[in-house]
Amino acid sequence: MPDHTISVVNHSGRKQKYVIIPAPPMMTLGSENKKHEGGCLVWHAKELDTDNKEPWETSTTYQLYGWVGTTAEKPGFGVKVTSIDVNEADPATPTTPASTFGLTKNETGDPVMTVKEKTAPMDMVRFDFGGDLSPSDGKYIVYGMAKGNRLPDQTVGKRPFAYYPAPTDTNSVQFAVMAPVIQLWVCAYDAEEGEIVDFTDAIQTAGMLRFLNTDGALRANVEHREDGRIVITYE
């Protein structure tokens, strides 16, 4: 799959911070089949002066990743995550399973991510939990998914976009299966990369990217206009 480029220009009349965030993913916890929305992270962010002559351009890659990390306080809105490890997630096919990862904790309180035999349904990712994952040494363990970002040297950065707090009781909650919602939004919103955000609040001034409905377009031109609207065109 080719990369998709997102180009943002600020014509709002004032300096503005912009973030790219996904819609929250869906997840099933353990064997209890409890489904709920997960938390979303700022995937990418940039502050732009008004009437910036050079647009902010970023490119997304097709590949998804499983991801583990920590926070320095209980996860919640405004808290930033620290990425510890990322592994490529195989989306699988209708007849083959998708990626499964193990999640444990080492002696320093950091998460340890291992690649396991694939057992997840197609287009999903599974995490199997082991041992004590409760906070220790001032670290709260989080896990989730990341998405690729094409860097200037053509390598791929792996930026987390969705998180869940690790369960403290791995006897009652032994695994989680998550389905990413790859629905990116460009928002006029003040937050940092890797920050946990309130999705409903962040999309108050925003535009949703719709590459799948644009007959193969690979570029989205995002304009924040003086009247406050965010308008997206494709080419």
C-alpha atoms as a PDB file:
ATOM      1  CA  MET A   1       0.000   0.000   0.000  1.00  0.00           C
ATOM      2  CA  PRO A   2       1.332   3.489  -0.842  1.00  0.00           C
ATOM      3  CA  ASP A   3       1.838   6.210   1.745  1.00  0.00           C
ATOM      4  CA  HIS A   4      -0.784   8.909   2.278  1.00  0.00           C
ATOM      5  CA  THR A   5       0.364  12.516   2.699  1.00  0.00           C
ATOM      6  CA  ILE A   6      -1.412  15.028   4.936  1.00  0.00           C
ATOM      7  CA  SER A   7      -0.651  18.709   4.232  1.00  0.00           C
ATOM      8  CA  VAL A   8      -1.911  21.314   6.725  1.00  0.00           C
ATOM      9  CA  VAL A   9      -2.010  25.107   6.223  1.00  0.00           C
ATOM     10  CA  ASN A  10      -3.116  27.685   8.779  1.00  0.00           C
ATOM     11  CA  HIS A  11      -5.222  30.538   7.376  1.00  0.00           C
ATOM     12  CA  SER A  12      -7.135  31.081  10.616  1.00  0.00           C
ATOM     13  CA  GLY A  13      -5.524  34.441  11.361  1.00  0.00           C
ATOM     14  CA  ARG A  14      -3.669  33.323  14.483  1.00  0.00           C
ATOM     15  CA  LYS A  15      -0.949  30.936  15.570  1.00  0.00           C
ATOM     16  CA  GLN A  16      -2.443  27.506  16.186  1.00  0.00           C
ATOM     17  CA  LYS A  17      -1.434  24.041  17.388  1.00  0.00           C
ATOM     18  CA  TYR A  18      -2.620  21.128  15.232  1.00  0.00           C
ATOM     19  CA  VAL A  19      -2.776  17.456  16.141  1.00  0.00           C
ATOM     20  CA  ILE A  20      -3.525  14.289  14.216  1.00  0.00           C
ATOM     21  CA  ILE A  21      -5.443  11.728  16.250  1.00  0.00           C
ATOM     22  CA  PRO A  22      -7.368   8.521  15.491  1.00  0.00           C
ATOM     23  CA  ALA A  23     -10.850   7.577  16.536  1.00  0.00           C
ATOM     24  CA  PRO A  24     -10.656   5.461  19.722  1.00  0.00           C
ATOM     25  CA  PRO A  25     -10.221   1.712  19.064  1.00  0.00           C
ATOM     26  CA  MET A  26     -12.540  -0.999  20.306  1.00  0.00           C
ATOM     27  CA  MET A  27     -11.390  -3.777  22.632  1.00  0.00           C
ATOM     28  CA  THR A  28     -12.566  -7.017  24.227  1.00  0.00           C
ATOM     29  CA  LEU A  29     -11.155  -7.764  27.688  1.00  0.00           C
ATOM     30  CA  GLY A  30     -10.344 -11.289  28.811  1.00  0.00           C
ATOM     31  CA  SER A  31     -13.016 -13.966  28.534  1.00  0.00           C
ATOM     32  CA  GLU A  32     -15.797 -11.730  29.868  1.00  0.00           C
ATOM     33  CA  ASN A  33     -16.399 -10.205  26.423  1.00  0.00           C
ATOM     34  CA  LYS A  34     -16.657  -6.695  27.833  1.00  0.00           C
ATOM     35  CA  LYS A  35     -16.267  -4.174  25.017  1.00  0.00           C
ATOM     36  CA  HIS A  36     -15.465  -0.520  25.504  1.00  0.00           C
ATOM     37  CA  GLU A  37     -13.743   2.365  23.790  1.00  0.00           C
ATOM     38  CA  GLY A  38     -10.070   2.739  24.443  1.00  0.00           C
ATOM     39  CA  GLY A  39      -8.096   5.899  24.802  1.00  0.00           C
ATOM     40  CA  CYS A  40      -6.496   7.808  21.950  1.00  0.00           C
ATOM     41  CA  LEU A  41      -3.111   9.483  21.842  1.00  0.00           C
ATOM     42  CA  VAL A  42      -1.869  12.399  19.771  1.00  0.00           C
ATOM     43  CA  TRP A  43      -0.173  10.643  16.864  1.00  0.00           C
ATOM     44  CA  HIS A  44       1.498  13.782  15.486  1.00  0.00           C
ATOM     45  CA  ALA A  45       1.469  17.502  16.396  1.00  0.00           C
ATOM     46  CA  LYS A  46       2.762  20.819  15.076  1.00  0.00           C
ATOM     47  CA  GLU A  47       2.303  24.523  15.871  1.00  0.00           C
ATOM     48  CA  LEU A  48       1.837  26.714  12.789  1.00  0.00           C
ATOM     49  CA  ASP A  49       2.045  30.468  12.370  1.00  0.00           C
ATOM     50  CA  THR A  50      -0.825  32.118  10.552  1.00  0.00           C
ATOM     51  CA  ASP A  51      -0.553  32.078   6.745  1.00  0.00           C
ATOM     52  CA  ASN A  52       2.402  29.700   6.933  1.00  0.00           C
ATOM     53  CA  LYS A  53       4.065  29.649   3.529  1.00  0.00           C
ATOM     54  CA  GLU A  54       5.344  26.104   3.985  1.00  0.00           C
ATOM     55  CA  PRO A  55       2.572  23.652   4.903  1.00  0.00           C
ATOM     56  CA  TRP A  56       3.061  21.040   7.596  1.00  0.00           C
ATOM     57  CA  GLU A  57       3.346  17.775   5.721  1.00  0.00           C
ATOM     58  CA  THR A  58       3.389  14.302   7.200  1.00  0.00           C
ATOM     59  CA  SER A  59       2.954  10.908   5.563  1.00  0.00           C
ATOM     60  CA  THR A  60       1.311   7.831   7.020  1.00  0.00           C
ATOM     61  CA  THR A  61       2.289   4.285   6.110  1.00  0.00           C
ATOM     62  CA  TYR A  62      -0.027   1.301   5.893  1.00  0.00           C
ATOM     63  CA  GLN A  63       1.672  -0.838   8.544  1.00  0.00           C
ATOM     64  CA  LEU A  64       0.265  -1.081  12.078  1.00  0.00           C
ATOM     65  CA  TYR A  65       2.218  -2.078  15.197  1.00  0.00           C
ATOM     66  CA  GLY A  66       1.636  -3.417  18.664  1.00  0.00           C
ATOM     67  CA  TRP A  67       3.064  -1.072  21.276  1.00  0.00           C
ATOM     68  CA  VAL A  68       3.904  -0.989  25.003  1.00  0.00           C
ATOM     69  CA  GLY A  69       5.031   1.884  27.209  1.00  0.00           C
ATOM     70  CA  THR A  70       4.672   3.659  30.537  1.00  0.00           C
ATOM     71  CA  THR A  71       3.304   6.809  32.116  1.00  0.00           C
ATOM     72  CA  ALA A  72       4.709   8.599  35.159  1.00  0.00           C
ATOM     73  CA  GLU A  73       1.241   8.963  36.692  1.00  0.00           C
ATOM     74  CA  LYS A  74      -2.107   7.232  36.420  1.00  0.00           C
ATOM     75  CA  PRO A  75      -3.156   7.373  32.748  1.00  0.00           C
ATOM     76  CA  GLY A  76      -5.687  10.106  32.022  1.00  0.00           C
ATOM     77  CA  PHE A  77      -6.308  13.147  29.851  1.00  0.00           C
ATOM     78  CA  GLY A  78      -3.191  15.312  29.578  1.00  0.00           C
ATOM     79  CA  VAL A  79      -0.775  12.544  30.594  1.00  0.00           C
ATOM     80  CA  LYS A  80       2.027  11.703  28.139  1.00  0.00           C
ATOM     81  CA  VAL A  81       3.188   8.180  27.391  1.00  0.00           C
ATOM     82  CA  THR A  82       6.752   6.953  27.018  1.00  0.00           C
ATOM     83  CA  SER A  83       7.219   4.317  24.321  1.00  0.00           C
ATOM     84  CA  ILE A  84       9.250   1.266  25.385  1.00  0.00           C
ATOM     85  CA  ASP A  85       8.822  -1.232  22.544  1.00  0.00           C
ATOM     86  CA  VAL A  86       7.018  -1.609  19.210  1.00  0.00           C
ATOM     87  CA  ASN A  87       6.472  -4.701  17.059  1.00  0.00           C
ATOM     88  CA  GLU A  88       4.965  -5.064  13.605  1.00  0.00           C
ATOM     89  CA  ALA A  89       1.386  -6.360  13.679  1.00  0.00           C
ATOM     90  CA  ASP A  90       0.346  -8.762  10.924  1.00  0.00           C
ATOM     91  CA  PRO A  91      -3.285  -8.048   9.908  1.00  0.00           C
ATOM     92  CA  ALA A  92      -3.631 -11.665   8.659  1.00  0.00           C
ATOM     93  CA  THR A  93      -6.224 -12.998   6.191  1.00  0.00           C
ATOM     94  CA  PRO A  94      -9.681 -14.581   6.484  1.00  0.00           C
ATOM     95  CA  THR A  95      -7.971 -17.981   6.881  1.00  0.00           C
ATOM     96  CA  THR A  96      -4.895 -17.077   8.962  1.00  0.00           C
ATOM     97  CA  PRO A  97      -4.731 -15.457  12.435  1.00  0.00           C
ATOM     98  CA  ALA A  98      -3.359 -12.002  13.238  1.00  0.00           C
ATOM     99  CA  SER A  99      -0.562 -11.003  15.614  1.00  0.00           C
ATOM    100  CA  THR A 100      -0.488 -11.859  19.312  1.00  0.00           C
ATOM    101  CA  PHE A 101       1.938 -10.339  21.828  1.00  0.00           C
ATOM    102  CA  GLY A 102       2.815 -11.209  25.398  1.00  0.00           C
ATOM    103  CA  LEU A 103       3.006  -8.463  28.033  1.00  0.00           C
ATOM    104  CA  THR A 104       4.961  -8.878  31.279  1.00  0.00           C
ATOM    105  CA  LYS A 105       6.960  -6.583  33.577  1.00  0.00           C
ATOM    106  CA  ASN A 106      10.700  -6.617  34.323  1.00  0.00           C
ATOM    107  CA  GLU A 107      12.525  -5.856  37.570  1.00  0.00           C
ATOM    108  CA  THR A 108      12.709  -2.114  36.813  1.00  0.00           C
ATOM    109  CA  GLY A 109       8.953  -1.793  36.332  1.00  0.00           C
ATOM    110  CA  ASP A 110       9.109  -1.522  32.537  1.00  0.00           C
ATOM    111  CA  PRO A 111       6.851  -3.570  30.246  1.00  0.00           C
ATOM    112  CA  VAL A 112       8.314  -6.445  28.243  1.00  0.00           C
ATOM    113  CA  MET A 113       6.671  -7.250  24.914  1.00  0.00           C
ATOM    114  CA  THR A 114       7.164 -10.649  23.263  1.00  0.00           C
ATOM    115  CA  VAL A 115       5.958 -12.018  19.936  1.00  0.00           C
ATOM    116  CA  LYS A 116       3.769 -15.100  20.387  1.00  0.00           C
ATOM    117  CA  GLU A 117       1.999 -17.560  18.126  1.00  0.00           C
ATOM    118  CA  LYS A 118      -0.654 -15.694  16.141  1.00  0.00           C
ATOM    119  CA  THR A 119      -4.171 -16.182  17.519  1.00  0.00           C
ATOM    120  CA  ALA A 120      -5.976 -12.857  16.957  1.00  0.00           C
ATOM    121  CA  PRO A 121      -8.899 -12.440  14.524  1.00  0.00           C
ATOM    122  CA  MET A 122      -8.200 -10.761  11.181  1.00  0.00           C
ATOM    123  CA  ASP A 123      -7.365  -7.038  11.388  1.00  0.00           C
ATOM    124  CA  MET A 124      -7.073  -7.180  15.173  1.00  0.00           C
ATOM    125  CA  VAL A 125      -4.237  -7.436  17.703  1.00  0.00           C
ATOM    126  CA  ARG A 126      -4.173  -9.580  20.843  1.00  0.00           C
ATOM    127  CA  PHE A 127      -2.158  -9.042  24.041  1.00  0.00           C
ATOM    128  CA  ASP A 128      -1.731 -11.906  26.540  1.00  0.00           C
ATOM    129  CA  PHE A 129      -0.965 -10.706  30.082  1.00  0.00           C
ATOM    130  CA  GLY A 130       1.410 -12.413  32.488  1.00  0.00           C
ATOM    131  CA  GLY A 131       2.461 -11.795  36.089  1.00  0.00           C
ATOM    132  CA  ASP A 132       2.073  -8.620  38.119  1.00  0.00           C
ATOM    133  CA  LEU A 133       1.451  -5.585  35.897  1.00  0.00           C
ATOM    134  CA  SER A 134       0.521  -3.189  38.694  1.00  0.00           C
ATOM    135  CA  PRO A 135       2.348   0.189  38.927  1.00  0.00           C
ATOM    136  CA  SER A 136       5.845   0.055  40.415  1.00  0.00           C
ATOM    137  CA  ASP A 137       8.894   2.325  40.605  1.00  0.00           C
ATOM    138  CA  GLY A 138       6.662   5.257  39.649  1.00  0.00           C
ATOM    139  CA  LYS A 139       5.636   3.645  36.349  1.00  0.00           C
ATOM    140  CA  TYR A 140       2.192   2.729  35.066  1.00  0.00           C
ATOM    141  CA  ILE A 141       2.209   0.191  32.239  1.00  0.00           C
ATOM    142  CA  VAL A 142       0.182   0.935  29.110  1.00  0.00           C
ATOM    143  CA  TYR A 143      -0.159  -0.940  25.829  1.00  0.00           C
ATOM    144  CA  GLY A 144      -1.909  -0.486  22.517  1.00  0.00           C
ATOM    145  CA  MET A 145      -1.208   0.203  18.867  1.00  0.00           C
ATOM    146  CA  ALA A 146       1.076   2.400  16.768  1.00  0.00           C
ATOM    147  CA  LYS A 147       1.022   3.619  13.162  1.00  0.00           C
ATOM    148  CA  GLY A 148       3.885   4.299  10.785  1.00  0.00           C
ATOM    149  CA  ASN A 149       5.036   7.799   9.827  1.00  0.00           C
ATOM    150  CA  ARG A 150       7.372   8.257   6.829  1.00  0.00           C
ATOM    151  CA  LEU A 151      10.433  10.247   7.934  1.00  0.00           C
ATOM    152  CA  PRO A 152      12.523  12.611   5.729  1.00  0.00           C
ATOM    153  CA  ASP A 153      15.237   9.956   5.313  1.00  0.00           C
ATOM    154  CA  GLN A 154      12.524   7.529   4.088  1.00  0.00           C
ATOM    155  CA  THR A 155      12.700   5.357   7.195  1.00  0.00           C
ATOM    156  CA  VAL A 156       9.533   4.770   9.213  1.00  0.00           C
ATOM    157  CA  GLY A 157       8.794   6.248  12.615  1.00  0.00           C
ATOM    158  CA  LYS A 158       6.431   4.201  14.771  1.00  0.00           C
ATOM    159  CA  ARG A 159       4.161   6.536  16.704  1.00  0.00           C
ATOM    160  CA  PRO A 160       1.630   5.183  19.230  1.00  0.00           C
ATOM    161  CA  PHE A 161      -1.966   6.269  18.650  1.00  0.00           C
ATOM    162  CA  ALA A 162      -4.055   4.130  21.019  1.00  0.00           C
ATOM    163  CA  TYR A 163      -3.539   2.968  24.590  1.00  0.00           C
ATOM    164  CA  TYR A 164      -5.055   0.946  27.412  1.00  0.00           C
ATOM    165  CA  PRO A 165      -3.868   0.698  31.015  1.00  0.00           C
ATOM    166  CA  ALA A 166      -2.479  -2.733  31.848  1.00  0.00           C
ATOM    167  CA  PRO A 167      -4.743  -4.790  34.144  1.00  0.00           C
ATOM    168  CA  THR A 168      -3.539  -5.092  37.724  1.00  0.00           C
ATOM    169  CA  ASP A 169      -5.177  -8.511  38.155  1.00  0.00           C
ATOM    170  CA  THR A 170      -3.947 -10.788  35.373  1.00  0.00           C
ATOM    171  CA  ASN A 171      -5.749 -13.760  36.904  1.00  0.00           C
ATOM    172  CA  SER A 172      -9.179 -12.300  36.121  1.00  0.00           C
ATOM    173  CA  VAL A 173      -8.148 -10.483  32.925  1.00  0.00           C
ATOM    174  CA  GLN A 174      -5.738 -12.678  30.996  1.00  0.00           C
ATOM    175  CA  PHE A 175      -5.839 -11.134  27.524  1.00  0.00           C
ATOM    176  CA  ALA A 176      -7.220  -8.306  25.411  1.00  0.00           C
ATOM    177  CA  VAL A 177      -8.146  -8.120  21.736  1.00  0.00           C
ATOM    178  CA  MET A 178      -8.314  -4.726  20.073  1.00  0.00           C
ATOM    179  CA  ALA A 179      -9.643  -3.589  16.720  1.00  0.00           C
ATOM    180  CA  PRO A 180      -8.063  -0.346  15.492  1.00  0.00           C
ATOM    181  CA  VAL A 181     -10.322   2.286  13.986  1.00  0.00           C
ATOM    182  CA  ILE A 182      -8.069   3.797  11.331  1.00  0.00           C
ATOM    183  CA  GLN A 183      -9.990   7.023  11.069  1.00  0.00           C
ATOM    184  CA  LEU A 184      -7.601   9.958  11.369  1.00  0.00           C
ATOM    185  CA  TRP A 185      -8.700  13.463  12.349  1.00  0.00           C
ATOM    186  CA  VAL A 186      -6.778  16.733  11.927  1.00  0.00           C
ATOM    187  CA  CYS A 187      -7.702  18.978  14.849  1.00  0.00           C
ATOM    188  CA  ALA A 188      -6.977  22.545  15.910  1.00  0.00           C
ATOM    189  CA  TYR A 189      -6.098  21.509  19.449  1.00  0.00           C
ATOM    190  CA  ASP A 190      -3.348  22.237  21.956  1.00  0.00           C
ATOM    191  CA  ALA A 191      -1.678  18.957  22.898  1.00  0.00           C
ATOM    192  CA  GLU A 192       1.667  17.196  22.523  1.00  0.00           C
ATOM    193  CA  GLU A 193       2.664  14.044  20.648  1.00  0.00           C
ATOM    194  CA  GLY A 194       2.045  10.997  22.806  1.00  0.00           C
ATOM    195  CA  GLU A 195      -0.449  12.825  25.035  1.00  0.00           C
ATOM    196  CA  ILE A 196      -3.695  11.149  26.085  1.00  0.00           C
ATOM    197  CA  VAL A 197      -6.577  13.309  24.862  1.00  0.00           C
ATOM    198  CA  ASP A 198     -10.342  13.497  25.188  1.00  0.00           C
ATOM    199  CA  PHE A 199     -11.419  12.563  21.659  1.00  0.00           C
ATOM    200  CA  THR A 200     -14.779  14.348  21.917  1.00  0.00           C
ATOM    201  CA  ASP A 201     -13.097  17.558  23.053  1.00  0.00           C
ATOM    202  CA  ALA A 202     -10.278  17.376  20.491  1.00  0.00           C
ATOM    203  CA  ILE A 203     -12.549  17.112  17.428  1.00  0.00           C
ATOM    204  CA  GLN A 204     -14.574  20.264  18.186  1.00  0.00           C
ATOM    205  CA  THR A 205     -12.609  22.062  15.440  1.00  0.00           C
ATOM    206  CA  ALA A 206     -11.447  19.281  13.158  1.00  0.00           C
ATOM    207  CA  GLY A 207     -11.758  17.467   9.862  1.00  0.00           C
ATOM    208  CA  MET A 208     -11.859  13.712   9.310  1.00  0.00           C
ATOM    209  CA  LEU A 209      -9.627  12.258   6.595  1.00  0.00           C
ATOM    210  CA  ARG A 210     -11.517  10.080   4.091  1.00  0.00           C
ATOM    211  CA  PHE A 211      -8.907   8.578   1.774  1.00  0.00           C
ATOM    212  CA  LEU A 212     -11.006   5.452   1.179  1.00  0.00           C
ATOM    213  CA  ASN A 213     -13.758   7.527  -0.460  1.00  0.00           C
ATOM    214  CA  THR A 214     -11.560   9.520  -2.849  1.00  0.00           C
ATOM    215  CA  ASP A 215     -10.898   7.197  -5.823  1.00  0.00           C
ATOM    216  CA  GLY A 216      -7.290   6.492  -4.943  1.00  0.00           C
ATOM    217  CA  ALA A 217      -6.179   9.950  -3.789  1.00  0.00           C
ATOM    218  CA  LEU A 218      -2.865   9.867  -1.925  1.00  0.00           C
ATOM    219  CA  ARG A 219      -2.770  13.447  -0.644  1.00  0.00           C
ATOM    220  CA  ALA A 220      -5.094  15.395   1.644  1.00  0.00           C
ATOM    221  CA  ASN A 221      -4.839  19.201   1.679  1.00  0.00           C
ATOM    222  CA  VAL A 222      -6.129  20.500   5.011  1.00  0.00           C
ATOM    223  CA  GLU A 223      -6.918  24.221   5.334  1.00  0.00           C
ATOM    224  CA  HIS A 224      -7.909  25.925   8.589  1.00  0.00           C
ATOM    225  CA  ARG A 225      -9.844  28.923   7.282  1.00  0.00           C
ATOM    226  CA  GLU A 226     -10.399  32.356   8.778  1.00  0.00           C
ATOM    227  CA  ASP A 227     -14.045  31.534   9.498  1.00  0.00           C
ATOM    228  CA  GLY A 228     -12.862  28.697  11.761  1.00  0.00           C
ATOM    229  CA  ARG A 229     -13.728  25.816   9.455  1.00  0.00           C
ATOM    230  CA  ILE A 230     -11.280  23.047   8.605  1.00  0.00           C
ATOM    231  CA  VAL A 231     -11.717  22.121   4.940  1.00  0.00           C
ATOM    232  CA  ILE A 232     -10.105  19.060   3.316  1.00  0.00           C
ATOM    233  CA  THR A 233      -9.572  18.454  -0.402  1.00  0.00           C
ATOM    234  CA  TYR A 234      -7.870  15.487  -2.056  1.00  0.00           C
ATOM    235  CA  GLU A 235      -5.576  14.898  -4.995  1.00  0.00           C
END
